[in-house]
N, C-alpha and C. Protein backbone atom coordinates (compact mmCIF):
# COMPACT_ATOMS: atom_id res chain seq x y z
N MET A 1 76.51 75.01 78.13
CA MET A 1 77.77 74.48 77.60
C MET A 1 77.63 74.14 76.11
N MET A 2 76.52 73.54 75.78
CA MET A 2 76.28 73.23 74.37
C MET A 2 76.23 74.50 73.53
N GLY A 3 75.56 75.53 74.07
CA GLY A 3 75.47 76.80 73.35
C GLY A 3 76.84 77.43 73.14
N ARG A 4 77.69 77.37 74.18
CA ARG A 4 79.04 77.93 74.05
C ARG A 4 79.85 77.15 73.02
N SER A 5 79.69 75.83 73.02
CA SER A 5 80.41 74.99 72.07
C SER A 5 80.02 75.33 70.63
N ILE A 6 78.73 75.52 70.41
CA ILE A 6 78.26 75.87 69.06
C ILE A 6 78.79 77.23 68.65
N GLU A 7 78.81 78.19 69.58
CA GLU A 7 79.29 79.53 69.27
C GLU A 7 80.80 79.52 68.99
N VAL A 8 81.54 78.77 69.79
CA VAL A 8 82.99 78.67 69.56
C VAL A 8 83.27 78.04 68.21
N GLN A 9 82.52 77.00 67.85
CA GLN A 9 82.69 76.37 66.55
C GLN A 9 82.40 77.35 65.43
N ARG A 10 81.37 78.18 65.59
CA ARG A 10 81.03 79.17 64.57
C ARG A 10 82.16 80.18 64.40
N VAL A 11 82.69 80.69 65.53
CA VAL A 11 83.78 81.66 65.48
C VAL A 11 85.02 81.04 64.85
N LEU A 12 85.32 79.80 65.25
CA LEU A 12 86.51 79.12 64.73
C LEU A 12 86.38 78.86 63.23
N ALA A 13 85.23 78.38 62.79
CA ALA A 13 85.03 78.11 61.36
C ALA A 13 85.14 79.37 60.54
N SER A 14 84.60 80.47 61.07
CA SER A 14 84.69 81.74 60.36
C SER A 14 86.12 82.22 60.26
N ALA A 15 86.88 82.10 61.35
CA ALA A 15 88.28 82.53 61.35
C ALA A 15 89.11 81.69 60.40
N LEU A 16 88.90 80.38 60.40
CA LEU A 16 89.66 79.50 59.51
C LEU A 16 89.32 79.76 58.04
N ALA A 17 88.06 80.12 57.76
CA ALA A 17 87.67 80.40 56.39
C ALA A 17 88.35 81.64 55.84
N SER A 18 88.73 82.54 56.75
CA SER A 18 89.36 83.78 56.31
C SER A 18 90.89 83.71 56.33
N SER A 19 91.45 82.58 56.75
CA SER A 19 92.91 82.43 56.78
C SER A 19 93.34 81.41 55.75
N SER A 20 94.57 81.54 55.31
CA SER A 20 95.09 80.59 54.32
C SER A 20 96.55 80.30 54.62
N VAL A 21 96.93 79.07 54.36
CA VAL A 21 98.32 78.63 54.50
C VAL A 21 98.70 77.96 53.19
N ALA A 22 99.64 78.54 52.49
CA ALA A 22 100.00 78.02 51.17
C ALA A 22 100.91 76.80 51.25
N THR A 23 101.61 76.63 52.34
CA THR A 23 102.56 75.52 52.48
C THR A 23 101.83 74.19 52.51
N PRO A 24 102.20 73.24 51.65
CA PRO A 24 101.57 71.92 51.71
C PRO A 24 102.10 71.12 52.90
N PHE A 25 101.21 70.42 53.58
CA PHE A 25 101.58 69.57 54.71
C PHE A 25 101.38 68.12 54.32
N PRO A 26 102.21 67.22 54.84
CA PRO A 26 102.02 65.79 54.51
C PRO A 26 100.70 65.27 55.06
N ASP A 27 100.11 64.34 54.34
CA ASP A 27 98.82 63.75 54.74
C ASP A 27 99.08 62.62 55.72
N THR A 28 99.61 62.97 56.88
CA THR A 28 99.86 62.02 57.97
C THR A 28 99.19 62.56 59.22
N GLY A 29 99.13 61.75 60.25
CA GLY A 29 98.51 62.20 61.48
C GLY A 29 99.15 63.46 62.02
N LEU A 30 100.47 63.46 62.14
CA LEU A 30 101.16 64.63 62.66
C LEU A 30 101.14 65.77 61.66
N GLY A 31 101.21 65.47 60.38
CA GLY A 31 101.16 66.50 59.36
C GLY A 31 99.84 67.25 59.39
N ARG A 32 98.74 66.52 59.56
CA ARG A 32 97.42 67.17 59.63
C ARG A 32 97.30 68.03 60.90
N GLN A 33 97.84 67.53 62.01
CA GLN A 33 97.76 68.28 63.26
C GLN A 33 98.55 69.59 63.17
N LEU A 34 99.78 69.51 62.67
CA LEU A 34 100.60 70.72 62.56
C LEU A 34 100.05 71.65 61.48
N GLY A 35 99.42 71.07 60.44
CA GLY A 35 98.79 71.90 59.43
C GLY A 35 97.66 72.72 60.02
N MET A 36 96.85 72.11 60.89
CA MET A 36 95.77 72.84 61.55
C MET A 36 96.34 73.90 62.49
N ALA A 37 97.42 73.58 63.19
CA ALA A 37 98.06 74.58 64.06
C ALA A 37 98.52 75.77 63.25
N ALA A 38 99.09 75.52 62.07
CA ALA A 38 99.55 76.61 61.21
C ALA A 38 98.36 77.48 60.76
N LYS A 39 97.22 76.85 60.46
CA LYS A 39 96.03 77.61 60.05
C LYS A 39 95.49 78.45 61.21
N LEU A 40 95.51 77.89 62.41
CA LEU A 40 95.03 78.63 63.58
C LEU A 40 95.95 79.79 63.92
N ILE A 41 97.23 79.61 63.68
CA ILE A 41 98.17 80.72 63.89
C ILE A 41 97.90 81.82 62.87
N ALA A 42 97.66 81.41 61.63
CA ALA A 42 97.36 82.40 60.59
C ALA A 42 96.06 83.14 60.89
N ALA A 43 95.16 82.49 61.64
CA ALA A 43 93.86 83.10 61.96
C ALA A 43 93.87 83.82 63.30
N ARG A 44 95.05 84.02 63.90
CA ARG A 44 95.12 84.60 65.24
C ARG A 44 94.46 85.97 65.33
N GLY A 45 94.57 86.79 64.27
CA GLY A 45 93.96 88.11 64.27
C GLY A 45 92.45 88.04 64.33
N ALA A 46 91.88 87.16 63.51
CA ALA A 46 90.43 87.01 63.48
C ALA A 46 89.92 86.42 64.79
N LEU A 47 90.76 85.63 65.46
CA LEU A 47 90.36 85.03 66.73
C LEU A 47 90.62 85.96 67.91
N GLY A 48 91.35 87.05 67.67
CA GLY A 48 91.66 87.99 68.73
C GLY A 48 92.66 87.45 69.74
N LEU A 49 93.60 86.62 69.28
CA LEU A 49 94.57 85.99 70.18
C LEU A 49 95.97 86.53 69.92
N SER A 50 96.66 86.86 70.99
CA SER A 50 98.04 87.34 70.86
C SER A 50 99.05 86.25 71.21
N ARG A 51 98.60 85.19 71.90
CA ARG A 51 99.49 84.09 72.26
C ARG A 51 98.70 82.80 72.22
N GLN A 52 99.23 81.82 71.52
CA GLN A 52 98.55 80.54 71.36
C GLN A 52 99.47 79.40 71.76
N CYS A 53 98.90 78.31 72.21
CA CYS A 53 99.66 77.12 72.57
C CYS A 53 98.91 75.90 72.05
N PHE A 54 99.61 75.05 71.30
CA PHE A 54 98.99 73.87 70.69
C PHE A 54 99.73 72.62 71.14
N PHE A 55 98.98 71.54 71.30
CA PHE A 55 99.56 70.24 71.60
C PHE A 55 99.23 69.30 70.44
N THR A 56 100.25 68.68 69.89
CA THR A 56 100.07 67.65 68.86
C THR A 56 100.75 66.39 69.35
N SER A 57 100.44 65.26 68.74
CA SER A 57 101.03 64.02 69.25
C SER A 57 101.23 63.02 68.12
N ILE A 58 102.14 62.10 68.38
CA ILE A 58 102.39 60.97 67.49
C ILE A 58 102.73 59.78 68.36
N GLY A 59 102.09 58.66 68.09
CA GLY A 59 102.34 57.45 68.86
C GLY A 59 103.01 56.39 68.01
N GLY A 60 103.03 55.17 68.52
CA GLY A 60 103.57 54.05 67.76
C GLY A 60 104.99 53.67 68.09
N PHE A 61 105.58 54.33 69.09
CA PHE A 61 106.97 54.03 69.43
C PHE A 61 107.12 52.82 70.34
N ASP A 62 106.03 52.33 70.90
CA ASP A 62 106.09 51.17 71.79
C ASP A 62 106.06 49.91 70.93
N THR A 63 107.22 49.56 70.40
CA THR A 63 107.32 48.58 69.31
C THR A 63 107.63 47.16 69.80
N HIS A 64 106.96 46.69 70.80
CA HIS A 64 107.20 45.32 71.27
C HIS A 64 106.83 44.30 70.18
N GLY A 65 107.80 43.46 69.84
CA GLY A 65 107.56 42.42 68.87
C GLY A 65 107.64 42.87 67.42
N ASP A 66 107.85 44.16 67.20
CA ASP A 66 107.95 44.65 65.82
C ASP A 66 109.41 44.90 65.47
N ASP A 67 109.62 45.24 64.20
CA ASP A 67 110.95 45.63 63.77
C ASP A 67 111.19 47.06 64.24
N GLN A 68 111.86 47.20 65.36
CA GLN A 68 112.01 48.51 65.98
C GLN A 68 112.74 49.51 65.09
N LEU A 69 113.82 49.08 64.46
CA LEU A 69 114.60 50.01 63.64
C LEU A 69 113.78 50.53 62.46
N GLN A 70 113.04 49.63 61.80
CA GLN A 70 112.23 50.05 60.66
C GLN A 70 111.10 50.96 61.10
N ARG A 71 110.40 50.58 62.19
CA ARG A 71 109.26 51.38 62.63
C ARG A 71 109.69 52.75 63.11
N GLN A 72 110.79 52.81 63.84
CA GLN A 72 111.27 54.11 64.30
C GLN A 72 111.71 54.99 63.13
N ALA A 73 112.32 54.38 62.12
CA ALA A 73 112.72 55.15 60.94
C ALA A 73 111.49 55.75 60.26
N GLU A 74 110.40 55.00 60.19
CA GLU A 74 109.16 55.50 59.58
C GLU A 74 108.58 56.64 60.41
N LEU A 75 108.57 56.49 61.73
CA LEU A 75 108.02 57.52 62.61
C LEU A 75 108.86 58.79 62.57
N PHE A 76 110.18 58.63 62.58
CA PHE A 76 111.05 59.80 62.52
C PHE A 76 110.89 60.53 61.19
N ALA A 77 110.67 59.77 60.11
CA ALA A 77 110.44 60.39 58.81
C ALA A 77 109.15 61.20 58.82
N GLU A 78 108.11 60.68 59.49
CA GLU A 78 106.85 61.41 59.60
C GLU A 78 107.04 62.71 60.39
N ILE A 79 107.79 62.62 61.48
CA ILE A 79 108.08 63.82 62.28
C ILE A 79 108.86 64.83 61.46
N ASP A 80 109.89 64.35 60.76
CA ASP A 80 110.74 65.25 59.96
C ASP A 80 109.93 66.01 58.92
N ALA A 81 109.08 65.30 58.18
CA ALA A 81 108.31 65.93 57.12
C ALA A 81 107.31 66.94 57.68
N ALA A 82 106.64 66.58 58.79
CA ALA A 82 105.63 67.46 59.37
C ALA A 82 106.27 68.71 59.98
N VAL A 83 107.36 68.53 60.71
CA VAL A 83 108.03 69.68 61.34
C VAL A 83 108.64 70.59 60.28
N THR A 84 109.21 70.01 59.23
CA THR A 84 109.76 70.82 58.14
C THR A 84 108.67 71.67 57.50
N ALA A 85 107.51 71.08 57.25
CA ALA A 85 106.40 71.83 56.65
C ALA A 85 105.95 72.94 57.58
N PHE A 86 105.86 72.64 58.87
CA PHE A 86 105.42 73.66 59.84
C PHE A 86 106.41 74.82 59.89
N ASN A 87 107.70 74.51 59.93
CA ASN A 87 108.72 75.56 59.96
C ASN A 87 108.68 76.40 58.68
N THR A 88 108.45 75.75 57.55
CA THR A 88 108.33 76.46 56.28
C THR A 88 107.12 77.39 56.30
N ALA A 89 106.02 76.90 56.86
CA ALA A 89 104.79 77.72 56.94
C ALA A 89 104.99 78.92 57.84
N MET A 90 105.69 78.74 58.96
CA MET A 90 105.94 79.87 59.86
C MET A 90 106.86 80.90 59.21
N THR A 91 107.85 80.42 58.47
CA THR A 91 108.74 81.34 57.77
C THR A 91 107.97 82.12 56.70
N ALA A 92 107.09 81.44 55.97
CA ALA A 92 106.29 82.09 54.94
C ALA A 92 105.36 83.14 55.53
N GLN A 93 104.90 82.93 56.76
CA GLN A 93 104.04 83.91 57.43
C GLN A 93 104.83 85.01 58.13
N GLY A 94 106.17 84.93 58.06
CA GLY A 94 107.01 85.91 58.74
C GLY A 94 107.02 85.73 60.24
N LEU A 95 106.77 84.50 60.71
CA LEU A 95 106.64 84.24 62.14
C LEU A 95 107.72 83.32 62.70
N ALA A 96 108.77 83.08 61.94
CA ALA A 96 109.81 82.15 62.40
C ALA A 96 110.41 82.58 63.73
N ASP A 97 110.48 83.88 63.97
CA ASP A 97 111.05 84.39 65.22
C ASP A 97 110.01 84.54 66.32
N SER A 98 108.79 84.16 66.05
CA SER A 98 107.71 84.32 67.04
C SER A 98 107.09 83.00 67.47
N VAL A 99 107.55 81.91 66.90
CA VAL A 99 106.95 80.60 67.18
C VAL A 99 108.05 79.62 67.56
N THR A 100 107.81 78.86 68.61
CA THR A 100 108.73 77.79 69.01
C THR A 100 107.98 76.47 69.03
N LEU A 101 108.54 75.47 68.38
CA LEU A 101 108.01 74.11 68.40
C LEU A 101 109.02 73.25 69.14
N PHE A 102 108.54 72.41 70.04
CA PHE A 102 109.46 71.54 70.76
C PHE A 102 108.82 70.18 71.01
N SER A 103 109.65 69.17 71.18
CA SER A 103 109.16 67.83 71.45
C SER A 103 109.26 67.54 72.95
N ALA A 104 108.41 66.64 73.40
CA ALA A 104 108.43 66.21 74.80
C ALA A 104 107.86 64.81 74.89
N SER A 105 108.40 63.99 75.77
CA SER A 105 107.94 62.63 75.91
C SER A 105 108.44 62.04 77.22
N ASP A 106 107.68 61.10 77.77
CA ASP A 106 108.15 60.37 78.95
C ASP A 106 108.68 59.00 78.52
N PHE A 107 108.91 58.83 77.23
CA PHE A 107 109.27 57.53 76.68
C PHE A 107 110.72 57.54 76.23
N GLY A 108 111.49 56.56 76.66
CA GLY A 108 112.87 56.44 76.22
C GLY A 108 113.21 54.98 75.99
N ARG A 109 114.44 54.73 75.64
CA ARG A 109 114.92 53.38 75.41
C ARG A 109 116.19 53.16 76.22
N ASN A 110 116.38 51.91 76.67
CA ASN A 110 117.62 51.63 77.36
C ASN A 110 118.68 51.16 76.37
N LEU A 111 119.83 50.79 76.88
CA LEU A 111 120.97 50.49 76.01
C LEU A 111 121.11 49.01 75.67
N THR A 112 120.43 48.14 76.42
CA THR A 112 120.64 46.70 76.28
C THR A 112 119.68 46.12 75.25
N SER A 113 120.20 45.36 74.30
CA SER A 113 119.37 44.74 73.28
C SER A 113 118.52 43.62 73.89
N ASN A 114 117.27 43.54 73.45
CA ASN A 114 116.41 42.42 73.86
C ASN A 114 116.27 41.41 72.74
N GLY A 115 117.11 41.56 71.71
CA GLY A 115 117.08 40.65 70.57
C GLY A 115 116.36 41.21 69.37
N ALA A 116 115.40 42.12 69.61
CA ALA A 116 114.65 42.73 68.51
C ALA A 116 114.65 44.25 68.62
N GLY A 117 115.45 44.76 69.51
CA GLY A 117 115.51 46.21 69.76
C GLY A 117 115.95 46.46 71.18
N THR A 118 115.33 47.43 71.85
CA THR A 118 115.63 47.70 73.24
C THR A 118 114.33 47.95 74.00
N ASP A 119 114.40 47.82 75.31
CA ASP A 119 113.21 47.98 76.14
C ASP A 119 113.06 49.43 76.61
N HIS A 120 111.98 49.67 77.37
CA HIS A 120 111.71 51.01 77.87
C HIS A 120 112.87 51.51 78.73
N GLY A 121 113.18 52.78 78.57
CA GLY A 121 114.25 53.39 79.33
C GLY A 121 113.81 54.70 79.94
N TRP A 122 114.76 55.52 80.30
CA TRP A 122 114.46 56.73 81.03
C TRP A 122 114.71 57.97 80.17
N GLY A 123 115.96 58.20 79.80
CA GLY A 123 116.30 59.41 79.06
C GLY A 123 115.96 59.31 77.59
N SER A 124 115.87 60.45 76.95
CA SER A 124 115.65 60.50 75.50
C SER A 124 116.09 61.86 74.98
N HIS A 125 116.23 61.97 73.67
CA HIS A 125 116.65 63.21 73.04
C HIS A 125 115.42 63.99 72.58
N HIS A 126 115.49 65.31 72.66
CA HIS A 126 114.39 66.16 72.21
C HIS A 126 114.94 67.32 71.39
N PHE A 127 114.04 68.00 70.71
CA PHE A 127 114.47 69.11 69.86
C PHE A 127 113.56 70.30 70.05
N ALA A 128 114.09 71.46 69.73
CA ALA A 128 113.32 72.71 69.71
C ALA A 128 113.59 73.38 68.38
N VAL A 129 112.54 73.93 67.76
CA VAL A 129 112.64 74.58 66.45
C VAL A 129 112.03 75.97 66.57
N GLY A 130 112.76 76.97 66.11
CA GLY A 130 112.23 78.33 66.15
C GLY A 130 113.31 79.32 65.81
N GLY A 131 112.94 80.59 65.74
CA GLY A 131 113.88 81.64 65.39
C GLY A 131 114.70 82.11 66.58
N ALA A 132 115.92 82.54 66.32
CA ALA A 132 116.83 82.97 67.39
C ALA A 132 116.30 84.18 68.13
N ALA A 133 115.52 85.02 67.46
CA ALA A 133 115.02 86.23 68.11
C ALA A 133 114.06 85.91 69.25
N ARG A 134 113.49 84.71 69.25
CA ARG A 134 112.56 84.34 70.32
C ARG A 134 113.14 83.27 71.22
N GLY A 135 114.45 83.12 71.24
CA GLY A 135 115.06 82.28 72.25
C GLY A 135 115.64 80.96 71.81
N VAL A 136 115.40 80.52 70.57
CA VAL A 136 115.97 79.24 70.13
C VAL A 136 117.20 79.52 69.28
N ASN A 137 118.35 79.34 69.88
CA ASN A 137 119.61 79.52 69.17
C ASN A 137 119.98 78.17 68.58
N GLY A 138 119.62 77.95 67.34
CA GLY A 138 119.64 76.62 66.74
C GLY A 138 121.01 76.04 66.44
N ARG A 139 120.96 74.80 65.97
CA ARG A 139 122.15 74.04 65.56
C ARG A 139 123.11 73.83 66.72
N LYS A 140 122.57 73.71 67.90
CA LYS A 140 123.40 73.47 69.08
C LYS A 140 122.84 72.28 69.85
N LEU A 141 123.72 71.55 70.50
CA LEU A 141 123.34 70.47 71.38
C LEU A 141 123.42 70.97 72.81
N LEU A 142 122.30 70.93 73.50
CA LEU A 142 122.30 71.32 74.91
C LEU A 142 122.58 70.08 75.74
N GLY A 143 123.48 70.20 76.69
CA GLY A 143 123.94 69.02 77.41
C GLY A 143 125.04 68.36 76.61
N ARG A 144 125.09 67.06 76.64
CA ARG A 144 126.08 66.33 75.84
C ARG A 144 125.50 64.99 75.44
N MET A 145 126.05 64.42 74.40
CA MET A 145 125.61 63.09 73.99
C MET A 145 126.04 62.08 75.05
N PRO A 146 125.19 61.13 75.37
CA PRO A 146 125.54 60.16 76.41
C PRO A 146 126.59 59.16 75.93
N ASP A 147 127.32 58.61 76.88
CA ASP A 147 128.22 57.50 76.61
C ASP A 147 127.35 56.24 76.60
N LEU A 148 127.23 55.60 75.45
CA LEU A 148 126.32 54.47 75.30
C LEU A 148 126.95 53.13 75.65
N THR A 149 128.07 53.16 76.37
CA THR A 149 128.76 51.94 76.77
C THR A 149 127.99 51.26 77.89
N LEU A 150 127.68 49.96 77.73
CA LEU A 150 127.04 49.22 78.81
C LEU A 150 127.94 49.24 80.03
N ASN A 151 127.35 49.54 81.19
CA ASN A 151 128.08 49.67 82.45
C ASN A 151 129.07 50.83 82.42
N GLY A 152 128.86 51.75 81.47
CA GLY A 152 129.72 52.93 81.38
C GLY A 152 129.28 54.01 82.34
N PRO A 153 129.87 55.20 82.23
CA PRO A 153 129.59 56.27 83.19
C PRO A 153 128.16 56.78 83.17
N ASP A 154 127.44 56.60 82.06
CA ASP A 154 126.06 57.09 81.99
C ASP A 154 125.03 55.97 82.16
N ASP A 155 125.49 54.74 82.36
CA ASP A 155 124.60 53.60 82.56
C ASP A 155 124.36 53.46 84.06
N VAL A 156 123.11 53.74 84.50
CA VAL A 156 122.80 53.68 85.94
C VAL A 156 122.29 52.31 86.36
N GLY A 157 122.33 51.35 85.44
CA GLY A 157 121.93 49.99 85.77
C GLY A 157 120.95 49.43 84.76
N GLN A 158 121.19 48.18 84.32
CA GLN A 158 120.33 47.48 83.38
C GLN A 158 120.18 48.24 82.06
N GLY A 159 121.23 48.95 81.67
CA GLY A 159 121.22 49.65 80.39
C GLY A 159 120.41 50.93 80.38
N VAL A 160 119.98 51.41 81.53
CA VAL A 160 119.24 52.67 81.61
C VAL A 160 120.25 53.81 81.74
N TRP A 161 120.19 54.76 80.79
CA TRP A 161 121.19 55.83 80.80
C TRP A 161 120.66 57.10 81.45
N LEU A 162 121.56 57.80 82.11
CA LEU A 162 121.24 59.00 82.87
C LEU A 162 121.29 60.22 81.96
N PRO A 163 120.19 60.97 81.83
CA PRO A 163 120.20 62.17 80.99
C PRO A 163 121.12 63.24 81.59
N THR A 164 121.64 64.10 80.73
CA THR A 164 122.49 65.20 81.20
C THR A 164 121.68 66.47 81.43
N THR A 165 120.46 66.51 80.90
CA THR A 165 119.62 67.70 81.01
C THR A 165 118.25 67.28 81.53
N ALA A 166 117.76 67.98 82.54
CA ALA A 166 116.48 67.62 83.14
C ALA A 166 115.31 68.23 82.38
N THR A 167 114.20 67.53 82.39
CA THR A 167 112.97 68.06 81.81
C THR A 167 112.63 69.40 82.45
N ASP A 168 112.89 69.51 83.75
CA ASP A 168 112.61 70.76 84.46
C ASP A 168 113.40 71.94 83.88
N GLN A 169 114.62 71.67 83.43
CA GLN A 169 115.42 72.75 82.84
C GLN A 169 114.80 73.26 81.55
N LEU A 170 114.46 72.33 80.66
CA LEU A 170 113.86 72.72 79.38
C LEU A 170 112.51 73.38 79.62
N GLY A 171 111.71 72.79 80.51
CA GLY A 171 110.41 73.36 80.80
C GLY A 171 110.49 74.76 81.36
N THR A 172 111.46 75.00 82.24
CA THR A 172 111.63 76.33 82.83
C THR A 172 112.03 77.35 81.77
N GLU A 173 112.92 76.95 80.87
CA GLU A 173 113.34 77.88 79.80
C GLU A 173 112.16 78.21 78.89
N LEU A 174 111.36 77.20 78.56
CA LEU A 174 110.20 77.43 77.70
C LEU A 174 109.17 78.32 78.41
N ALA A 175 109.01 78.13 79.71
CA ALA A 175 108.08 78.97 80.46
C ALA A 175 108.56 80.42 80.48
N ARG A 176 109.86 80.61 80.59
CA ARG A 176 110.42 81.97 80.52
C ARG A 176 110.13 82.58 79.15
N TRP A 177 110.27 81.76 78.10
CA TRP A 177 109.97 82.23 76.74
C TRP A 177 108.53 82.69 76.65
N PHE A 178 107.62 81.99 77.34
CA PHE A 178 106.21 82.36 77.35
C PHE A 178 105.94 83.61 78.18
N GLY A 179 106.96 84.08 78.90
CA GLY A 179 106.80 85.29 79.69
C GLY A 179 106.43 85.04 81.14
N ALA A 180 106.61 83.82 81.63
CA ALA A 180 106.25 83.50 83.01
C ALA A 180 107.16 84.25 83.99
N ASP A 181 106.56 84.80 85.04
CA ASP A 181 107.35 85.48 86.08
C ASP A 181 107.82 84.45 87.10
N ALA A 182 108.57 84.92 88.12
CA ALA A 182 109.16 84.01 89.10
C ALA A 182 108.11 83.21 89.86
N THR A 183 106.98 83.84 90.19
CA THR A 183 105.93 83.14 90.93
C THR A 183 105.33 82.03 90.08
N THR A 184 105.08 82.31 88.82
CA THR A 184 104.51 81.30 87.92
C THR A 184 105.50 80.17 87.69
N LEU A 185 106.77 80.51 87.51
CA LEU A 185 107.80 79.48 87.32
C LEU A 185 107.84 78.54 88.51
N ALA A 186 107.77 79.09 89.72
CA ALA A 186 107.82 78.27 90.93
C ALA A 186 106.62 77.36 91.03
N ALA A 187 105.46 77.81 90.53
CA ALA A 187 104.24 77.00 90.59
C ALA A 187 104.23 75.90 89.53
N VAL A 188 104.67 76.25 88.30
CA VAL A 188 104.61 75.30 87.19
C VAL A 188 105.79 74.33 87.21
N TRP A 189 106.98 74.84 87.49
CA TRP A 189 108.19 74.02 87.53
C TRP A 189 108.88 74.20 88.89
N PRO A 190 108.31 73.63 89.95
CA PRO A 190 108.84 73.86 91.30
C PRO A 190 110.28 73.38 91.50
N HIS A 191 110.73 72.43 90.69
CA HIS A 191 112.10 71.93 90.82
C HIS A 191 113.08 72.64 89.89
N GLY A 192 112.54 73.52 89.04
CA GLY A 192 113.39 74.19 88.06
C GLY A 192 114.51 75.00 88.67
N GLY A 193 114.23 75.61 89.83
CA GLY A 193 115.25 76.42 90.47
C GLY A 193 116.42 75.63 91.00
N GLY A 194 116.28 74.32 91.07
CA GLY A 194 117.37 73.48 91.56
C GLY A 194 118.38 73.11 90.49
N PHE A 195 118.14 73.58 89.26
CA PHE A 195 119.05 73.28 88.15
C PHE A 195 119.62 74.56 87.57
N ASP A 196 120.77 74.43 86.93
CA ASP A 196 121.40 75.56 86.25
C ASP A 196 120.57 75.96 85.03
N ARG A 197 120.70 77.21 84.60
CA ARG A 197 120.10 77.64 83.34
C ARG A 197 120.74 76.86 82.20
N LEU A 198 119.99 76.68 81.13
CA LEU A 198 120.52 75.95 79.97
C LEU A 198 121.44 76.86 79.17
N ALA A 199 122.71 76.63 79.27
CA ALA A 199 123.68 77.44 78.55
C ALA A 199 123.54 77.20 77.05
N GLY A 200 123.48 78.28 76.28
CA GLY A 200 123.38 78.17 74.84
C GLY A 200 121.97 78.13 74.32
N TRP A 201 120.96 78.10 75.25
CA TRP A 201 119.56 78.08 74.80
C TRP A 201 119.22 79.35 74.03
N ALA A 202 119.60 80.49 74.58
CA ALA A 202 119.26 81.77 73.94
C ALA A 202 120.52 82.51 73.53
């Protein structure tokens, strides 16, 4: 295992040395992660890869006792700058129609104020970024914006709002984009077949 790790590191270092990404990325946690993903995509030929999948992350949204509005604004700004740089890098490489970036989280907020913000909830908003030729038909809202009225039609109790689109729906569409067949879809997203296709996704 140690030998394989050393060999993989050697191959990876060599591939990265031969690839270049001219787009500057912000010097933030997410910016550095997406910057490395962009370099690895640029090195796909040297690595002999035709399809790649990367996971990046950003934390800090669990803002108990902090100024929630200020902290979320800072985190969203970090996401915006990093994703913008990544999209610019993919466009510069001629890969905007071959790469899809999307957000995912099990973290949401409810509708009721706790005096300094809101507590943990269920639903949340997510985004997908990519070229229309590969399935992301941009500038569209899938589902609908929730009614944020307390005790309103989307409030299922204690300020927890009911999402209009299931994670299984988005996951199934992304799996189709990856080329998953019906058997793979059933294994990875077993509940996906119980929901309608996402209208307007492609």
